C-alpha atoms as a PDB file:
ATOM      1  CA  MET A   1      69.468 -60.954  41.311  1.00  0.00           C
ATOM      2  CA  ASP A   2      66.715 -59.959  38.234  1.00  0.00           C
ATOM      3  CA  TRP A   3      68.584 -61.255  35.200  1.00  0.00           C
ATOM      4  CA  ASN A   4      66.104 -59.270  33.288  1.00  0.00           C
ATOM      5  CA  ASN A   5      67.151 -55.669  34.877  1.00  0.00           C
ATOM      6  CA  VAL A   6      70.799 -56.568  34.534  1.00  0.00           C
ATOM      7  CA  ILE A   7      70.190 -57.688  30.839  1.00  0.00           C
ATOM      8  CA  LYS A   8      68.123 -54.027  30.459  1.00  0.00           C
ATOM      9  CA  VAL A   9      71.043 -52.316  31.975  1.00  0.00           C
ATOM     10  CA  VAL A  10      73.594 -53.771  30.012  1.00  0.00           C
ATOM     11  CA  GLN A  11      71.290 -53.612  26.711  1.00  0.00           C
ATOM     12  CA  ASN A  12      71.023 -49.400  27.916  1.00  0.00           C
ATOM     13  CA  THR A  13      74.933 -49.179  28.698  1.00  0.00           C
ATOM     14  CA  ILE A  14      76.221 -51.178  25.036  1.00  0.00           C
ATOM     15  CA  THR A  15      73.609 -48.599  22.978  1.00  0.00           C
ATOM     16  CA  GLY A  16      74.302 -45.647  24.618  1.00  0.00           C
ATOM     17  CA  VAL A  17      78.494 -46.558  24.200  1.00  0.00           C
ATOM     18  CA  GLY A  18      77.657 -47.783  20.930  1.00  0.00           C
ATOM     19  CA  LEU A  19      76.081 -44.751  19.470  1.00  0.00           C
ATOM     20  CA  GLN A  20      78.996 -42.231  20.832  1.00  0.00           C
ATOM     21  CA  VAL A  21      81.510 -44.594  19.313  1.00  0.00           C
ATOM     22  CA  VAL A  22      79.442 -44.050  15.916  1.00  0.00           C
ATOM     23  CA  GLY A  23      79.439 -40.583  16.513  1.00  0.00           C
ATOM     24  CA  ALA A  24      82.748 -40.294  17.001  1.00  0.00           C
ATOM     25  CA  ILE A  25      83.493 -42.333  13.858  1.00  0.00           C
ATOM     26  CA  LEU A  26      81.512 -40.148  11.564  1.00  0.00           C
ATOM     27  CA  LEU A  27      82.726 -37.166  13.184  1.00  0.00           C
ATOM     28  CA  TYR A  28      86.415 -38.153  12.383  1.00  0.00           C
ATOM     29  CA  ILE A  29      85.412 -39.195   8.613  1.00  0.00           C
ATOM     30  CA  VAL A  30      84.155 -36.059   7.981  1.00  0.00           C
ATOM     31  CA  GLY A  31      86.532 -33.779  10.089  1.00  0.00           C
ATOM     32  CA  ARG A  32      89.184 -35.653   7.836  1.00  0.00           C
ATOM     33  CA  TRP A  33      87.618 -35.089   4.712  1.00  0.00           C
ATOM     34  CA  LEU A  34      87.024 -30.975   5.567  1.00  0.00           C
ATOM     35  CA  ILE A  35      90.497 -31.360   6.852  1.00  0.00           C
ATOM     36  CA  SER A  36      91.927 -32.198   3.431  1.00  0.00           C
ATOM     37  CA  PHE A  37      89.449 -30.085   1.834  1.00  0.00           C
ATOM     38  CA  ALA A  38      90.999 -27.229   3.598  1.00  0.00           C
ATOM     39  CA  VAL A  39      94.439 -27.707   3.409  1.00  0.00           C
ATOM     40  CA  GLY A  40      94.012 -28.147  -0.727  1.00  0.00           C
ATOM     41  CA  LEU A  41      92.418 -25.051  -0.580  1.00  0.00           C
ATOM     42  CA  VAL A  42      95.274 -22.931   1.592  1.00  0.00           C
ATOM     43  CA  ARG A  43      98.145 -24.973  -0.734  1.00  0.00           C
ATOM     44  CA  LYS A  44      95.960 -23.587  -3.964  1.00  0.00           C
ATOM     45  CA  GLY A  45      95.710 -20.312  -2.791  1.00  0.00           C
ATOM     46  CA  LEU A  46      99.325 -20.066  -1.962  1.00  0.00           C
ATOM     47  CA  SER A  47     100.364 -21.408  -5.418  1.00  0.00           C
ATOM     48  CA  ARG A  48      99.054 -18.765  -6.689  1.00  0.00           C
ATOM     49  CA  GLN A  49     101.356 -16.484  -4.576  1.00  0.00           C
ATOM     50  CA  LYS A  50     104.134 -18.144  -6.277  1.00  0.00           C
ATOM     51  CA  LEU A  51     105.660 -19.725  -2.970  1.00  0.00           C
ATOM     52  CA  GLU A  52     108.254 -21.891  -2.915  1.00  0.00           C
ATOM     53  CA  PRO A  53     107.328 -25.647  -2.965  1.00  0.00           C
ATOM     54  CA  THR A  54     109.051 -26.507   0.384  1.00  0.00           C
ATOM     55  CA  LEU A  55     107.421 -23.694   1.943  1.00  0.00           C
ATOM     56  CA  LEU A  56     103.873 -24.274   0.678  1.00  0.00           C
ATOM     57  CA  ARG A  57     104.475 -27.926   1.773  1.00  0.00           C
ATOM     58  CA  PHE A  58     105.646 -27.310   5.320  1.00  0.00           C
ATOM     59  CA  ILE A  59     102.266 -24.540   5.240  1.00  0.00           C
ATOM     60  CA  GLY A  60     100.328 -27.327   4.268  1.00  0.00           C
ATOM     61  CA  ASN A  61     101.461 -29.689   6.384  1.00  0.00           C
ATOM     62  CA  THR A  62     101.596 -27.241   9.850  1.00  0.00           C
ATOM     63  CA  ILE A  63      97.992 -27.049   8.994  1.00  0.00           C
ATOM     64  CA  SER A  64      97.455 -30.576   8.621  1.00  0.00           C
ATOM     65  CA  VAL A  65      98.401 -30.961  12.090  1.00  0.00           C
ATOM     66  CA  VAL A  66      97.016 -28.259  14.129  1.00  0.00           C
ATOM     67  CA  LEU A  67      93.703 -29.411  12.470  1.00  0.00           C
ATOM     68  CA  ASN A  68      94.202 -32.521  13.223  1.00  0.00           C
ATOM     69  CA  ILE A  69      94.813 -32.148  16.688  1.00  0.00           C
ATOM     70  CA  THR A  70      91.953 -30.278  16.948  1.00  0.00           C
ATOM     71  CA  LEU A  71      89.688 -32.864  15.455  1.00  0.00           C
ATOM     72  CA  VAL A  72      91.334 -35.204  18.263  1.00  0.00           C
ATOM     73  CA  ILE A  73      90.306 -32.904  20.975  1.00  0.00           C
ATOM     74  CA  ALA A  74      86.548 -32.263  19.807  1.00  0.00           C
ATOM     75  CA  ILE A  75      86.427 -36.222  19.438  1.00  0.00           C
ATOM     76  CA  LEU A  76      87.578 -36.873  22.906  1.00  0.00           C
ATOM     77  CA  GLY A  77      85.329 -34.337  24.523  1.00  0.00           C
END
C-alpha cells in the first residue's frame, strides 16, 4: 500500500467536502438574511393596508416558514 496515494486521496476528499460545507454555510447565511429582508418587506407592505396585527404576524410567519423550508431543500440539494 502506497501511503502517499492514500494521503492524496484523503486530502482531495476532505477538500471537496470542506468546500461543500463552506458553500452550504454561506448559502444558509445569505438565505436567512434574504428571508428576513423579504418578510420585513411583506410586513411593511401589509401594515400599510391596515390589517389586523394578528393576521400580519400569521402571514409573516407563514412566509418565513415556507422560505426556510425552501432554503433547507436548496442547501441539501
